[in-house]
Amino acid sequence: MPGTTGARMTVNGTETPISPCAPHTTALDFLRERGLTGTKEGCAEGECGACSVMVARPGVHKPTDWVAVNACLVPAAALDGQEIVTAEGLATAGEPGTVPSLHPVQEEMAVRGGSQCGYCTPGFVCSMAAEYYRPGRCEHSATDTETAEGTETADRTETETALGAETARSADAEHGPNGFDLHALSGNLCRCTGYRPIRDAAFAVGTPTDDDPLARRRELHPPAPVTTEYALGGKVFLRKNTLAETLRVLRERPDAVVVAGSTDWGVEVNIRSRRADCVIAIDRLPELRELRVESDHIEIGAALTLTEIERRLDGDVPLLAELFPQFASRLIRNGATLGGNLGTGSPIGDSAPVLLALDASLVLSDAGGERVVPLADYFTGYRQSVRRPGELIRAVRVPLPLSPVTAFHKIAKRRFDDISSVAVAFALDIEDGIVRKARIGLGGVAATPIRSLATEAALEGKPWSARTAEAAARVLRGEGTPMSDHRASALYRSAMLGQSLLKLHAQTTEAVSS
């Protein structure tokens, strides 16, 4: 079957055909084959950020947001009709024969020593640029705008650089005086610099100027999703415009692989060399991208990215707000979805324990209609669920009102951007010192994410006291069927379960006493 010649994306302002790439070809390989070699491959798993590029996506506070994603995970065909910017596209071209003017982010990385071997630098620059253009970043900035406008550049002295580092240290450890959120770089790794000069560069960038074309681009709407049927060599990548059309295709092709951000499937393609006869993209379906707050529940579209959910909820669901910074990295959260994280059925997916604690339900849709399934009844075995062939997760429903006492404890090797050894989520209703309701979700201690039913029963109706917490912690240590692997031993996992409950009690007691 010949390739679809109509598929194309806009790269650094130039419309570029996707053909003759295979449907599984990543955006990273697509770009490098066209000479844009600033985009690098470091891990092919979305963990190093060397492949970061910016994509124009629907904005939360402006019509368009510049969003950094891992080009090593996203199929090039998934960017049909879309607009992307690479590190090469950030610099401003001058007169023919002259050197392009560096972007403010590139300038700061250069003068503050943020690049040494240079391999990771283009990825850092794209992730940093996406944060540079984040609406609202500078609302609480303490940085002199003269720095942002580039009036102080290469002539900064070593003393000034050192003073910049001291300013950074005096601010919130994860947020600069210019409002820069270091979580934007949590998915970018560097083996040379030790990160301090990169952080200094991030905390030195200022406000985009009025004539910045990428800043002005945010005021216009991003490219609308297009119908895609990109076929080559007997393989096809499909994108339909409506949920109904997508479900009809799924009924005809129940073997199709469904992708949103491709943060899981991209790893399968790269590392395990998996190829699908048919891949269906659902990330732009409007029916899966709604977020509604009703009187008795919040409905979150299954194709909204975690970053979009985080920014649109803006802390209104504290347990989700605690989850998001600990879920992988910003680069992953810019593509990952709740639907995808639950759809894979992984026992160590971080969203499941949180949603179990929130008593969430899933709205499942197929060509015949919809049904609502409590998440506690959704998982049936290792990477298995009640979801039938041809059925999609359309939305996640979180009942209201929310429990007032919540916490998410993720035990992992690293503080951020790591896979859980154990994940525990708590949601408690405590009235007059008595636990009226308890919901506890667990990950990493069984073949599926589970509710801690025995521990919930040990808490409900009891006073929220040290004695109750200690007794319930003993029960919690016996929940699930933890195993030993390279991340943690079974004994360690069990110990961490009990310790998590004791930590929650200590934290809530301190909060009440203060």
Protein backbone atom coordinates (compact mmCIF):
# COMPACT_ATOMS: atom_id res chain seq x y z
CA MET A 1 0.00 0.00 0.00
CA PRO A 2 1.57 3.36 -0.92
CA GLY A 3 2.29 5.97 1.75
CA THR A 4 -0.22 8.75 2.27
CA THR A 5 1.40 11.78 0.65
CA GLY A 6 -0.95 14.33 2.24
CA ALA A 7 0.38 13.89 5.80
CA ARG A 8 2.65 16.78 6.76
CA MET A 9 3.74 18.84 9.76
CA THR A 10 5.13 22.34 10.15
CA VAL A 11 8.72 22.23 11.42
CA ASN A 12 10.34 25.54 12.40
CA GLY A 13 7.84 27.35 10.19
CA THR A 14 8.28 25.14 7.13
CA GLU A 15 5.61 22.69 6.01
CA THR A 16 7.26 19.28 5.70
CA PRO A 17 5.80 16.05 4.24
CA ILE A 18 5.90 13.04 6.55
CA SER A 19 6.11 10.55 3.69
CA PRO A 20 8.02 8.27 3.04
CA CYS A 21 8.53 7.44 6.75
CA ALA A 22 7.04 4.20 8.05
CA PRO A 23 3.98 4.66 10.32
CA HIS A 24 6.01 3.64 13.39
CA THR A 25 8.83 6.15 12.70
CA THR A 26 9.37 8.45 15.65
CA ALA A 27 9.42 12.21 15.37
CA LEU A 28 13.06 12.03 16.50
CA ASP A 29 14.13 9.88 13.55
CA PHE A 30 11.96 11.93 11.19
CA LEU A 31 13.70 15.17 12.24
CA ARG A 32 17.22 13.77 12.17
CA GLU A 33 16.70 12.29 8.71
CA ARG A 34 15.89 15.82 7.57
CA GLY A 35 19.08 17.32 8.95
CA LEU A 36 17.75 18.62 12.26
CA THR A 37 20.36 16.77 14.25
CA GLY A 38 20.18 18.95 17.35
CA THR A 39 17.45 16.55 18.43
CA LYS A 40 19.35 13.62 19.95
CA GLU A 41 18.65 10.06 21.05
CA GLY A 42 19.98 9.23 24.49
CA CYS A 43 17.70 6.54 25.90
CA ALA A 44 14.78 6.00 23.46
CA GLU A 45 12.54 5.66 26.54
CA GLY A 46 11.61 9.25 27.39
CA GLU A 47 13.93 9.40 30.39
CA CYS A 48 16.82 11.64 29.29
CA GLY A 49 15.20 14.53 27.40
CA ALA A 50 17.90 14.79 24.73
CA CYS A 51 15.13 14.55 22.12
CA SER A 52 12.91 17.32 23.52
CA VAL A 53 11.03 19.50 21.02
CA MET A 54 8.21 22.02 21.39
CA VAL A 55 4.71 21.43 20.03
CA ALA A 56 1.91 24.02 19.70
CA ARG A 57 -1.00 22.67 21.73
CA PRO A 58 -4.35 24.03 22.98
CA GLY A 59 -3.56 26.37 25.86
CA VAL A 60 -4.98 26.56 29.35
CA HIS A 61 -4.62 30.33 29.84
CA LYS A 62 -3.88 31.38 26.25
CA PRO A 63 -5.11 29.97 22.92
CA THR A 64 -1.78 28.15 22.42
CA ASP A 65 0.77 26.69 24.81
CA TRP A 66 4.25 25.70 23.70
CA VAL A 67 4.60 22.20 25.15
CA ALA A 68 7.84 20.22 25.35
CA VAL A 69 7.57 16.51 24.48
CA ASN A 70 9.88 13.56 23.91
CA ALA A 71 10.35 13.24 20.15
CA CYS A 72 11.72 9.71 20.67
CA LEU A 73 8.28 8.48 21.78
CA VAL A 74 5.84 10.33 19.52
CA PRO A 75 5.23 8.84 16.05
CA ALA A 76 5.87 11.37 13.30
CA ALA A 77 2.44 10.47 11.88
CA ALA A 78 0.86 11.62 15.16
CA LEU A 79 2.07 15.15 14.36
CA ASP A 80 0.21 15.29 11.03
CA GLY A 81 -1.12 18.83 10.69
CA GLN A 82 0.71 19.98 13.81
CA GLU A 83 3.37 22.62 14.40
CA ILE A 84 6.69 21.91 16.12
CA VAL A 85 9.84 23.85 16.94
CA THR A 86 13.27 22.29 17.45
CA ALA A 87 16.37 23.82 19.02
CA GLU A 88 17.41 24.98 15.54
CA GLY A 89 14.15 26.90 15.20
CA LEU A 90 14.59 28.96 18.37
CA ALA A 91 17.37 31.20 17.08
CA THR A 92 16.34 34.26 15.08
CA ALA A 93 17.74 34.43 11.55
CA GLY A 94 19.43 37.66 10.51
CA GLU A 95 20.60 38.91 7.14
CA PRO A 96 21.96 36.30 4.69
CA GLY A 97 25.50 35.34 5.63
CA THR A 98 25.18 36.48 9.26
CA VAL A 99 25.05 34.33 12.38
CA PRO A 100 21.52 33.87 13.77
CA SER A 101 20.74 35.63 17.05
CA LEU A 102 20.54 33.24 19.98
CA HIS A 103 17.25 32.77 21.74
CA PRO A 104 17.30 34.19 25.32
CA VAL A 105 17.32 30.66 26.72
CA GLN A 106 20.24 29.68 24.48
CA GLU A 107 22.04 32.88 25.47
CA GLU A 108 21.72 32.16 29.19
CA MET A 109 22.85 28.56 28.74
CA ALA A 110 25.94 29.79 26.89
CA VAL A 111 27.07 32.59 29.20
CA ARG A 112 26.43 30.63 32.42
CA GLY A 113 28.29 27.48 31.38
CA GLY A 114 25.17 25.36 31.05
CA SER A 115 26.61 23.43 28.10
CA GLN A 116 29.78 21.36 28.19
CA CYS A 117 29.86 18.35 25.85
CA GLY A 118 26.66 19.74 24.30
CA TYR A 119 24.89 16.45 23.65
CA CYS A 120 22.00 17.16 26.01
CA THR A 121 21.91 20.91 25.43
CA PRO A 122 19.33 21.13 22.60
CA GLY A 123 16.89 19.06 24.66
CA PHE A 124 17.45 21.22 27.73
CA VAL A 125 16.98 24.33 25.62
CA CYS A 126 13.62 23.15 24.25
CA SER A 127 12.32 22.13 27.68
CA MET A 128 13.54 25.43 29.11
CA ALA A 129 12.00 27.41 26.26
CA ALA A 130 8.61 25.80 26.84
CA GLU A 131 8.78 26.94 30.47
CA TYR A 132 10.06 30.36 29.35
CA TYR A 133 6.84 30.78 27.35
CA ARG A 134 4.52 29.37 30.03
CA PRO A 135 1.76 31.93 30.63
CA GLY A 136 1.79 33.32 34.16
CA ARG A 137 5.38 32.32 34.88
CA CYS A 138 6.51 35.89 35.44
CA GLU A 139 3.50 37.10 37.42
CA HIS A 140 5.40 36.67 40.69
CA SER A 141 8.87 37.15 39.22
CA ALA A 142 11.60 38.86 41.19
CA THR A 143 14.00 38.97 38.23
CA ASP A 144 15.00 42.28 36.69
CA THR A 145 13.34 42.49 33.28
CA GLU A 146 16.49 44.00 31.81
CA THR A 147 18.04 40.54 31.98
CA ALA A 148 15.07 39.15 30.07
CA GLU A 149 15.46 41.71 27.32
CA GLY A 150 19.04 40.67 26.74
CA THR A 151 20.71 43.96 27.70
CA GLU A 152 23.12 42.03 29.94
CA THR A 153 24.48 39.07 28.03
CA ALA A 154 28.01 37.88 27.29
CA ASP A 155 29.65 40.69 29.30
CA ARG A 156 28.44 39.28 32.63
CA THR A 157 31.38 38.68 34.92
CA GLU A 158 32.11 35.58 36.93
CA THR A 159 31.09 37.55 40.01
CA GLU A 160 27.70 38.32 38.51
CA THR A 161 27.22 34.66 37.65
CA ALA A 162 28.03 33.69 41.23
CA LEU A 163 25.59 36.29 42.53
CA GLY A 164 22.95 34.79 40.23
CA ALA A 165 23.54 31.41 41.81
CA GLU A 166 23.14 32.92 45.28
CA THR A 167 19.84 34.49 44.20
CA ALA A 168 18.68 31.11 42.95
CA ARG A 169 19.59 29.48 46.26
CA SER A 170 17.64 32.14 48.16
CA ALA A 171 14.45 31.34 46.25
CA ASP A 172 12.21 28.27 46.57
CA ALA A 173 14.49 25.31 45.83
CA GLU A 174 12.31 24.27 42.88
CA HIS A 175 11.16 27.70 41.67
CA GLY A 176 13.37 30.57 40.66
CA PRO A 177 12.90 34.26 41.45
CA ASN A 178 11.72 34.60 37.85
CA GLY A 179 8.95 32.05 38.40
CA PHE A 180 10.80 29.29 36.53
CA ASP A 181 9.60 25.85 37.67
CA LEU A 182 12.53 23.42 37.72
CA HIS A 183 10.09 20.55 37.26
CA ALA A 184 10.09 21.67 33.61
CA LEU A 185 13.61 20.17 33.42
CA SER A 186 12.95 17.06 35.50
CA GLY A 187 12.99 14.89 32.38
CA ASN A 188 16.33 16.22 31.10
CA LEU A 189 19.58 14.57 32.16
CA CYS A 190 23.13 15.94 31.94
CA ARG A 191 26.33 13.99 32.67
CA CYS A 192 28.73 16.95 32.60
CA THR A 193 27.61 20.10 34.37
CA GLY A 194 26.34 18.93 37.73
CA TYR A 195 23.19 20.95 36.87
CA ARG A 196 24.04 24.11 38.83
CA PRO A 197 24.89 26.25 35.77
CA ILE A 198 21.79 24.91 34.02
CA ARG A 199 19.71 25.94 37.00
CA ASP A 200 21.42 29.33 37.02
CA ALA A 201 20.50 29.79 33.37
CA ALA A 202 16.89 28.76 34.03
CA PHE A 203 16.59 31.19 36.95
CA ALA A 204 18.11 34.02 34.89
CA VAL A 205 15.73 34.06 31.92
CA GLY A 206 13.21 36.85 32.00
CA THR A 207 10.05 37.83 30.15
CA PRO A 208 9.56 37.31 26.40
CA THR A 209 9.70 40.60 24.53
CA ASP A 210 6.73 41.99 22.61
CA ASP A 211 8.35 41.22 19.25
CA ASP A 212 9.15 37.58 20.13
CA PRO A 213 7.42 35.56 17.35
CA LEU A 214 6.97 32.45 19.52
CA ALA A 215 5.43 34.55 22.29
CA ARG A 216 3.06 36.20 19.80
CA ARG A 217 2.17 32.76 18.42
CA ARG A 218 0.51 31.93 21.76
CA GLU A 219 -2.24 34.46 21.01
CA LEU A 220 -3.41 32.44 18.00
CA HIS A 221 -5.08 29.06 18.11
CA PRO A 222 -2.95 25.96 17.49
CA PRO A 223 -3.51 23.89 14.36
CA ALA A 224 -6.78 22.00 14.49
CA PRO A 225 -6.63 18.19 14.60
CA VAL A 226 -6.81 16.62 11.15
CA THR A 227 -8.05 13.27 9.98
CA THR A 228 -5.04 11.06 9.32
CA GLU A 229 -4.77 7.80 7.42
CA TYR A 230 -1.08 7.25 6.94
CA ALA A 231 -0.27 3.84 5.45
CA LEU A 232 2.93 2.21 4.28
CA GLY A 233 4.09 -1.40 3.99
CA GLY A 234 0.82 -2.86 5.18
CA LYS A 235 0.84 -0.78 8.40
CA VAL A 236 -1.48 2.15 9.07
CA PHE A 237 -1.68 5.06 11.52
CA LEU A 238 -5.21 6.44 11.91
CA ARG A 239 -6.74 9.50 13.53
CA LYS A 240 -10.45 10.19 13.34
CA ASN A 241 -12.22 13.43 14.22
CA THR A 242 -14.94 12.03 16.47
CA LEU A 243 -15.31 9.40 19.15
CA ALA A 244 -18.10 7.69 17.20
CA GLU A 245 -15.87 7.25 14.13
CA THR A 246 -13.02 5.97 16.31
CA LEU A 247 -15.24 3.43 18.05
CA ARG A 248 -16.51 2.15 14.70
CA VAL A 249 -12.93 1.56 13.58
CA LEU A 250 -12.16 -0.19 16.87
CA ARG A 251 -15.16 -2.47 16.36
CA GLU A 252 -13.76 -3.41 12.95
CA ARG A 253 -10.14 -3.55 14.17
CA PRO A 254 -10.22 -4.79 17.78
CA ASP A 255 -6.51 -5.67 17.45
CA ALA A 256 -5.57 -2.02 16.88
CA VAL A 257 -3.21 -0.33 19.33
CA VAL A 258 -4.75 2.80 20.84
CA VAL A 259 -2.37 5.65 21.68
CA ALA A 260 -2.67 9.11 23.20
CA GLY A 261 0.72 10.51 24.26
CA SER A 262 2.50 7.32 23.16
CA THR A 263 4.59 7.42 26.34
CA ASP A 264 4.11 3.67 26.83
CA TRP A 265 3.75 2.43 23.25
CA GLY A 266 6.74 4.47 22.14
CA VAL A 267 8.94 2.47 24.51
CA GLU A 268 7.55 -0.79 23.11
CA VAL A 269 8.38 0.36 19.57
CA ASN A 270 11.89 1.55 20.41
CA ILE A 271 13.13 -0.97 22.94
CA ARG A 272 11.17 -4.10 22.06
CA SER A 273 10.84 -3.41 18.33
CA ARG A 274 7.10 -3.94 18.41
CA ARG A 275 5.13 -3.03 15.30
CA ALA A 276 1.36 -2.82 15.03
CA ASP A 277 -0.67 -3.35 11.88
CA CYS A 278 -2.99 -0.57 12.98
CA VAL A 279 -2.43 2.28 15.45
CA ILE A 280 -5.30 4.62 16.34
CA ALA A 281 -4.62 8.01 17.92
CA ILE A 282 -7.25 9.35 20.32
CA ASP A 283 -5.37 12.23 21.96
CA ARG A 284 -7.22 15.00 20.07
CA LEU A 285 -10.76 13.60 20.29
CA PRO A 286 -12.88 16.42 21.80
CA GLU A 287 -15.14 13.93 23.62
CA LEU A 288 -12.10 12.69 25.56
CA ARG A 289 -10.74 16.15 26.37
CA GLU A 290 -13.45 17.66 28.54
CA LEU A 291 -13.10 18.56 32.21
CA ARG A 292 -16.40 19.21 33.96
CA VAL A 293 -17.22 19.92 37.59
CA GLU A 294 -20.75 18.78 38.47
CA SER A 295 -22.57 18.99 41.78
CA ASP A 296 -21.66 15.43 42.79
CA HIS A 297 -18.55 14.62 40.76
CA ILE A 298 -15.65 15.86 38.63
CA GLU A 299 -15.36 14.29 35.18
CA ILE A 300 -11.87 14.28 33.66
CA GLY A 301 -11.47 13.39 29.99
CA ALA A 302 -9.27 10.36 29.44
CA ALA A 303 -7.18 12.10 26.75
CA LEU A 304 -6.33 15.23 28.72
CA THR A 305 -2.63 15.21 29.53
CA LEU A 306 -1.57 15.18 33.16
CA THR A 307 -0.13 18.68 32.72
CA GLU A 308 -3.45 19.95 31.37
CA ILE A 309 -5.35 18.37 34.27
CA GLU A 310 -2.90 19.79 36.79
CA ARG A 311 -3.19 23.32 35.43
CA ARG A 312 -6.95 23.24 34.91
CA LEU A 313 -7.75 21.83 38.35
CA ASP A 314 -5.17 24.18 39.89
CA GLY A 315 -5.07 22.33 43.22
CA ASP A 316 -8.83 21.79 43.57
CA VAL A 317 -8.21 18.05 44.07
CA PRO A 318 -5.31 18.09 46.58
CA LEU A 319 -4.54 14.37 46.21
CA LEU A 320 -4.09 14.73 42.44
CA ALA A 321 -2.04 17.90 43.02
CA GLU A 322 0.28 15.86 45.23
CA LEU A 323 0.53 13.10 42.61
CA PHE A 324 1.41 15.16 39.55
CA PRO A 325 4.94 16.38 40.50
CA GLN A 326 5.87 12.80 41.42
CA PHE A 327 4.56 11.25 38.20
CA ALA A 328 7.53 10.70 35.86
CA SER A 329 8.74 14.07 34.49
CA ARG A 330 7.17 17.17 32.96
CA LEU A 331 8.15 15.91 29.50
CA ILE A 332 6.18 12.71 30.12
CA ARG A 333 3.28 14.48 31.85
CA ASN A 334 2.97 16.70 28.77
CA GLY A 335 1.90 13.61 26.82
CA ALA A 336 0.72 11.05 29.37
CA THR A 337 -2.99 10.69 30.16
CA LEU A 338 -5.07 9.09 32.90
CA GLY A 339 -6.75 6.95 30.26
CA GLY A 340 -3.40 5.62 29.09
CA ASN A 341 -2.00 5.05 32.57
CA LEU A 342 -5.09 3.06 33.58
CA GLY A 343 -5.55 1.41 30.19
CA THR A 344 -2.15 -0.30 30.32
CA GLY A 345 -3.17 -1.97 33.58
CA SER A 346 0.31 -1.63 35.07
CA PRO A 347 0.49 -2.55 38.78
CA ILE A 348 2.99 0.28 39.32
CA GLY A 349 1.15 3.06 37.49
CA ASP A 350 1.05 5.99 39.92
CA SER A 351 -2.41 7.31 39.07
CA ALA A 352 -4.30 4.14 40.02
CA PRO A 353 -3.61 4.21 43.80
CA VAL A 354 -4.62 7.88 43.93
CA LEU A 355 -7.83 7.33 41.97
CA LEU A 356 -8.66 4.27 44.09
CA ALA A 357 -8.34 6.41 47.21
CA LEU A 358 -10.62 8.99 45.56
CA ASP A 359 -13.28 6.28 44.92
CA ALA A 360 -13.11 7.06 41.20
CA SER A 361 -15.10 5.36 38.46
CA LEU A 362 -14.36 4.96 34.76
CA VAL A 363 -16.69 5.77 31.89
CA LEU A 364 -16.14 3.05 29.26
CA SER A 365 -17.42 3.62 25.71
CA ASP A 366 -17.82 1.38 22.68
CA ALA A 367 -19.87 1.52 19.50
CA GLY A 368 -22.89 0.20 21.41
CA GLY A 369 -22.93 2.76 24.21
CA GLU A 370 -21.39 3.55 27.59
CA ARG A 371 -21.11 2.02 31.04
CA VAL A 372 -19.64 3.22 34.33
CA VAL A 373 -17.32 0.89 36.26
CA PRO A 374 -15.87 1.60 39.72
CA LEU A 375 -12.08 1.63 39.44
CA ALA A 376 -11.95 -0.80 42.36
CA ASP A 377 -13.68 -3.35 40.07
CA TYR A 378 -11.76 -2.49 36.90
CA PHE A 379 -8.54 -4.52 37.27
CA THR A 380 -8.90 -8.29 37.00
CA GLY A 381 -5.27 -9.49 36.76
CA TYR A 382 -1.79 -8.50 35.70
CA ARG A 383 -2.35 -5.91 32.93
CA GLN A 384 -5.91 -7.20 32.55
CA SER A 385 -9.22 -5.45 33.13
CA VAL A 386 -12.95 -5.62 32.49
CA ARG A 387 -12.50 -3.40 29.41
CA ARG A 388 -13.80 -5.30 26.40
CA PRO A 389 -12.35 -5.36 22.87
CA GLY A 390 -13.45 -2.23 21.04
CA GLU A 391 -14.00 -0.33 24.29
CA LEU A 392 -12.24 2.88 25.35
CA ILE A 393 -11.89 4.74 28.62
CA ARG A 394 -13.72 7.98 27.85
CA ALA A 395 -13.43 9.68 31.22
CA VAL A 396 -12.59 9.34 34.90
CA ARG A 397 -15.20 10.41 37.47
CA VAL A 398 -14.18 11.53 40.94
CA PRO A 399 -17.10 11.79 43.39
CA LEU A 400 -17.71 14.93 45.46
CA PRO A 401 -17.30 16.01 48.19
CA LEU A 402 -13.65 15.11 48.57
CA SER A 403 -12.22 13.62 51.75
CA PRO A 404 -10.37 16.38 53.62
CA VAL A 405 -7.37 14.33 54.83
CA THR A 406 -5.31 13.02 51.90
CA ALA A 407 -1.75 12.05 51.12
CA PHE A 408 0.24 10.32 48.39
CA HIS A 409 3.46 8.56 49.37
CA LYS A 410 5.69 7.33 46.56
CA ILE A 411 8.68 5.21 47.57
CA ALA A 412 11.30 5.09 44.81
CA LYS A 413 15.06 5.24 44.24
CA ARG A 414 14.91 8.87 43.12
CA ARG A 415 12.76 11.72 44.36
CA PHE A 416 11.43 12.51 40.88
CA ASP A 417 11.26 10.86 37.45
CA ASP A 418 11.38 7.30 38.75
CA ILE A 419 9.25 4.16 38.88
CA SER A 420 7.56 3.38 42.19
CA SER A 421 8.71 0.57 44.41
CA VAL A 422 5.57 1.22 46.46
CA ALA A 423 2.85 3.84 46.05
CA VAL A 424 0.25 4.52 48.75
CA ALA A 425 -2.64 6.99 48.56
CA PHE A 426 -4.86 7.90 51.52
CA ALA A 427 -8.21 9.68 51.71
CA LEU A 428 -9.81 9.93 55.16
CA ASP A 429 -12.91 11.61 56.58
CA ILE A 430 -12.22 12.43 60.23
CA GLU A 431 -14.98 14.02 62.30
CA ASP A 432 -14.64 14.82 66.00
CA GLY A 433 -11.49 12.75 66.11
CA ILE A 434 -13.17 9.63 64.65
CA VAL A 435 -12.32 8.11 61.26
CA ARG A 436 -15.72 8.04 59.55
CA LYS A 437 -14.46 6.89 56.14
CA ALA A 438 -11.13 5.55 54.89
CA ARG A 439 -10.00 4.82 51.36
CA ILE A 440 -6.47 3.56 50.70
CA GLY A 441 -5.06 2.75 47.26
CA LEU A 442 -1.91 0.67 46.84
CA GLY A 443 0.48 0.18 43.93
CA GLY A 444 3.49 -2.08 43.55
CA VAL A 445 2.41 -4.70 46.08
CA ALA A 446 0.21 -6.98 43.95
CA ALA A 447 -0.43 -8.01 40.35
CA THR A 448 -2.84 -5.06 40.10
CA PRO A 449 -3.38 -1.78 41.91
CA ILE A 450 -5.62 -2.60 44.89
CA ARG A 451 -7.74 -1.09 47.62
CA SER A 452 -6.51 -1.80 51.15
CA LEU A 453 -9.85 -3.09 52.37
CA ALA A 454 -8.68 -4.70 55.62
CA THR A 455 -6.83 -1.56 56.70
CA GLU A 456 -9.79 0.63 55.80
CA ALA A 457 -11.97 -1.55 58.04
CA ALA A 458 -9.37 -1.33 60.82
CA LEU A 459 -9.58 2.47 60.71
CA GLU A 460 -13.26 3.23 60.19
CA GLY A 461 -15.17 3.96 63.38
CA LYS A 462 -11.95 4.25 65.41
CA PRO A 463 -10.38 7.34 66.97
CA TRP A 464 -7.58 8.83 64.89
CA SER A 465 -4.99 8.13 67.55
CA ALA A 466 -1.46 6.78 67.65
CA ARG A 467 -2.81 3.50 68.98
CA THR A 468 -5.26 3.16 66.08
CA ALA A 469 -2.60 4.10 63.52
CA GLU A 470 -0.13 1.56 64.92
CA ALA A 471 -2.74 -1.22 64.91
CA ALA A 472 -3.87 -0.34 61.36
CA ALA A 473 -0.26 -0.14 60.19
CA ARG A 474 0.26 -3.74 61.28
CA VAL A 475 -2.73 -4.70 59.13
CA LEU A 476 -1.48 -2.63 56.21
CA ARG A 477 1.88 -4.41 56.26
CA GLY A 478 0.04 -7.64 55.47
CA GLU A 479 -1.95 -6.28 52.52
CA GLY A 480 -1.25 -7.40 48.97
CA THR A 481 1.27 -9.96 47.76
CA PRO A 482 4.50 -7.99 47.37
CA MET A 483 7.41 -9.56 45.52
CA SER A 484 11.15 -9.03 45.53
CA ASP A 485 12.78 -7.55 42.43
CA HIS A 486 15.58 -5.17 41.47
CA ARG A 487 13.66 -2.19 42.89
CA ALA A 488 12.86 -3.51 46.37
CA SER A 489 12.43 -6.67 48.42
CA ALA A 490 9.02 -7.96 49.49
CA LEU A 491 9.91 -7.26 53.14
CA TYR A 492 10.86 -3.68 52.33
CA ARG A 493 7.64 -3.08 50.44
CA SER A 494 5.57 -4.43 53.34
CA ALA A 495 7.50 -2.30 55.81
CA MET A 496 6.94 0.82 53.73
CA LEU A 497 3.18 0.22 53.68
CA GLY A 498 2.99 0.33 57.45
CA GLN A 499 5.41 3.23 57.67
CA SER A 500 3.30 5.26 55.26
CA LEU A 501 0.29 5.12 57.55
CA LEU A 502 2.38 6.06 60.59
CA LYS A 503 3.80 8.98 58.60
CA LEU A 504 0.29 10.14 57.65
CA HIS A 505 -0.79 10.07 61.32
CA ALA A 506 2.29 12.01 62.39
CA GLN A 507 1.76 14.62 59.68
CA THR A 508 -1.93 15.14 60.42
CA THR A 509 -1.29 15.32 64.16
CA GLU A 510 1.36 17.98 63.61
CA ALA A 511 -1.03 19.91 61.35
CA VAL A 512 -3.80 19.87 63.97
CA SER A 513 -1.48 20.84 66.83
CA SER A 514 0.02 23.73 64.86
